C-alpha atoms as a PDB file:
ATOM      1  CA  MET A   1      70.223 174.744  42.378  1.00  0.00           C
ATOM      2  CA  GLU A   2      70.971 173.757  38.787  1.00  0.00           C
ATOM      3  CA  LYS A   3      70.453 177.520  37.410  1.00  0.00           C
ATOM      4  CA  LEU A   4      72.671 178.697  40.086  1.00  0.00           C
ATOM      5  CA  MET A   5      75.635 176.276  39.284  1.00  0.00           C
ATOM      6  CA  GLN A   6      75.289 177.059  35.824  1.00  0.00           C
ATOM      7  CA  ASP A   7      75.411 181.067  36.576  1.00  0.00           C
ATOM      8  CA  LEU A   8      78.309 180.444  38.618  1.00  0.00           C
ATOM      9  CA  LYS A   9      80.189 178.875  36.108  1.00  0.00           C
ATOM     10  CA  VAL A  10      79.576 181.631  33.586  1.00  0.00           C
ATOM     11  CA  GLN A  11      80.412 184.151  36.342  1.00  0.00           C
ATOM     12  CA  ILE A  12      83.594 182.502  37.235  1.00  0.00           C
ATOM     13  CA  ILE A  13      84.877 182.124  33.448  1.00  0.00           C
ATOM     14  CA  GLN A  14      83.787 186.141  33.213  1.00  0.00           C
ATOM     15  CA  GLN A  15      85.513 186.934  36.410  1.00  0.00           C
ATOM     16  CA  LEU A  16      88.655 185.017  36.078  1.00  0.00           C
ATOM     17  CA  ASN A  17      88.910 185.774  32.246  1.00  0.00           C
ATOM     18  CA  LEU A  18      89.189 182.052  31.558  1.00  0.00           C
ATOM     19  CA  GLN A  19      88.972 182.439  27.640  1.00  0.00           C
ATOM     20  CA  GLU A  20      89.392 178.796  26.665  1.00  0.00           C
ATOM     21  CA  VAL A  21      87.112 177.445  29.469  1.00  0.00           C
ATOM     22  CA  LYS A  22      83.417 176.751  28.698  1.00  0.00           C
ATOM     23  CA  PRO A  23      80.681 176.417  31.388  1.00  0.00           C
ATOM     24  CA  GLU A  24      80.350 172.669  30.183  1.00  0.00           C
ATOM     25  CA  ASP A  25      83.974 172.005  30.764  1.00  0.00           C
ATOM     26  CA  ILE A  26      83.397 172.681  34.635  1.00  0.00           C
ATOM     27  CA  GLY A  27      82.113 169.749  36.451  1.00  0.00           C
ATOM     28  CA  ASP A  28      79.616 170.568  39.539  1.00  0.00           C
ATOM     29  CA  ASP A  29      81.937 168.528  41.744  1.00  0.00           C
ATOM     30  CA  GLN A  30      85.364 169.187  40.250  1.00  0.00           C
ATOM     31  CA  PRO A  31      87.842 170.921  42.349  1.00  0.00           C
ATOM     32  CA  LEU A  32      88.287 174.386  41.522  1.00  0.00           C
ATOM     33  CA  PHE A  33      91.780 174.561  42.857  1.00  0.00           C
ATOM     34  CA  LYS A  34      94.853 172.540  42.281  1.00  0.00           C
ATOM     35  CA  GLU A  35      94.164 169.342  40.238  1.00  0.00           C
ATOM     36  CA  GLY A  36      90.842 170.476  39.048  1.00  0.00           C
ATOM     37  CA  LEU A  37      90.438 173.654  37.364  1.00  0.00           C
ATOM     38  CA  GLY A  38      93.720 174.808  38.598  1.00  0.00           C
ATOM     39  CA  LEU A  39      92.951 178.059  40.266  1.00  0.00           C
ATOM     40  CA  ASP A  40      95.364 179.622  42.703  1.00  0.00           C
ATOM     41  CA  SER A  41      95.436 182.020  45.703  1.00  0.00           C
ATOM     42  CA  ILE A  42      94.827 185.165  43.517  1.00  0.00           C
ATOM     43  CA  ASP A  43      91.935 183.384  41.954  1.00  0.00           C
ATOM     44  CA  ALA A  44      90.562 182.897  45.370  1.00  0.00           C
ATOM     45  CA  LEU A  45      90.317 186.639  45.915  1.00  0.00           C
ATOM     46  CA  GLU A  46      88.496 187.043  42.776  1.00  0.00           C
ATOM     47  CA  LEU A  47      86.043 184.497  43.840  1.00  0.00           C
ATOM     48  CA  ILE A  48      85.227 186.539  47.127  1.00  0.00           C
ATOM     49  CA  VAL A  49      84.813 189.572  44.905  1.00  0.00           C
ATOM     50  CA  LEU A  50      82.308 187.430  42.775  1.00  0.00           C
ATOM     51  CA  LEU A  51      80.369 186.445  45.690  1.00  0.00           C
ATOM     52  CA  GLN A  52      80.089 189.938  46.996  1.00  0.00           C
ATOM     53  CA  GLN A  53      79.272 191.338  43.520  1.00  0.00           C
ATOM     54  CA  TYR A  54      76.967 188.939  41.949  1.00  0.00           C
ATOM     55  CA  HIS A  55      75.310 187.726  45.159  1.00  0.00           C
ATOM     56  CA  ASN A  56      75.758 190.232  47.856  1.00  0.00           C
ATOM     57  CA  ILE A  57      77.371 187.644  50.263  1.00  0.00           C
ATOM     58  CA  ARG A  58      80.343 188.144  52.250  1.00  0.00           C
ATOM     59  CA  ILE A  59      82.429 185.304  53.816  1.00  0.00           C
ATOM     60  CA  ALA A  60      82.352 185.868  57.662  1.00  0.00           C
ATOM     61  CA  LYS A  61      85.142 183.407  58.443  1.00  0.00           C
ATOM     62  CA  PRO A  62      87.819 183.293  56.031  1.00  0.00           C
ATOM     63  CA  GLU A  63      89.030 179.935  57.274  1.00  0.00           C
ATOM     64  CA  ASP A  64      85.703 178.755  55.587  1.00  0.00           C
ATOM     65  CA  GLY A  65      87.100 179.632  52.209  1.00  0.00           C
ATOM     66  CA  PRO A  66      88.429 176.302  51.138  1.00  0.00           C
ATOM     67  CA  ASN A  67      85.280 174.599  51.947  1.00  0.00           C
ATOM     68  CA  ILE A  68      83.164 176.967  50.145  1.00  0.00           C
ATOM     69  CA  PHE A  69      85.315 177.247  47.180  1.00  0.00           C
ATOM     70  CA  TYR A  70      86.025 173.496  46.859  1.00  0.00           C
ATOM     71  CA  SER A  71      83.666 173.195  43.920  1.00  0.00           C
ATOM     72  CA  ILE A  72      80.671 174.887  41.887  1.00  0.00           C
ATOM     73  CA  ARG A  73      78.249 172.506  44.058  1.00  0.00           C
ATOM     74  CA  THR A  74      79.892 173.862  47.529  1.00  0.00           C
ATOM     75  CA  MET A  75      79.798 177.434  46.292  1.00  0.00           C
ATOM     76  CA  ALA A  76      75.864 177.053  45.273  1.00  0.00           C
ATOM     77  CA  GLU A  77      75.070 175.662  48.510  1.00  0.00           C
ATOM     78  CA  TYR A  78      76.792 178.277  50.491  1.00  0.00           C
ATOM     79  CA  ILE A  79      75.073 180.954  48.427  1.00  0.00           C
ATOM     80  CA  THR A  80      71.749 179.030  48.899  1.00  0.00           C
ATOM     81  CA  ALA A  81      72.258 178.822  52.700  1.00  0.00           C
ATOM     82  CA  GLU A  82      73.418 182.291  53.148  1.00  0.00           C
ATOM     83  CA  LYS A  83      70.478 183.848  50.920  1.00  0.00           C
ATOM     84  CA  ALA A  84      67.992 181.880  53.263  1.00  0.00           C
ATOM     85  CA  LYS A  85      69.493 183.357  56.443  1.00  0.00           C
ATOM     86  CA  GLN A  86      69.005 187.049  54.766  1.00  0.00           C
ATOM     87  CA  ALA A  87      65.546 186.061  53.979  1.00  0.00           C
END
């Protein structure tokens, strides 16, 4: 899980072109939207693309998005759970 969270930080920085942000600047449980990393709705679409592109995972229910994309940890937990279903 730690490696996945580290990989997600790097992938998010690259996908969203966050040039001034380093992986170590993003806390595992820090909110990604609003007061945390400050992402917006356009960034949410990019995160959906990231899940499809890097992890071959599609979000079945869009209403789950806020819970999935709350933090690096919640994204990693979702990816792990979805990959377990695919196995």
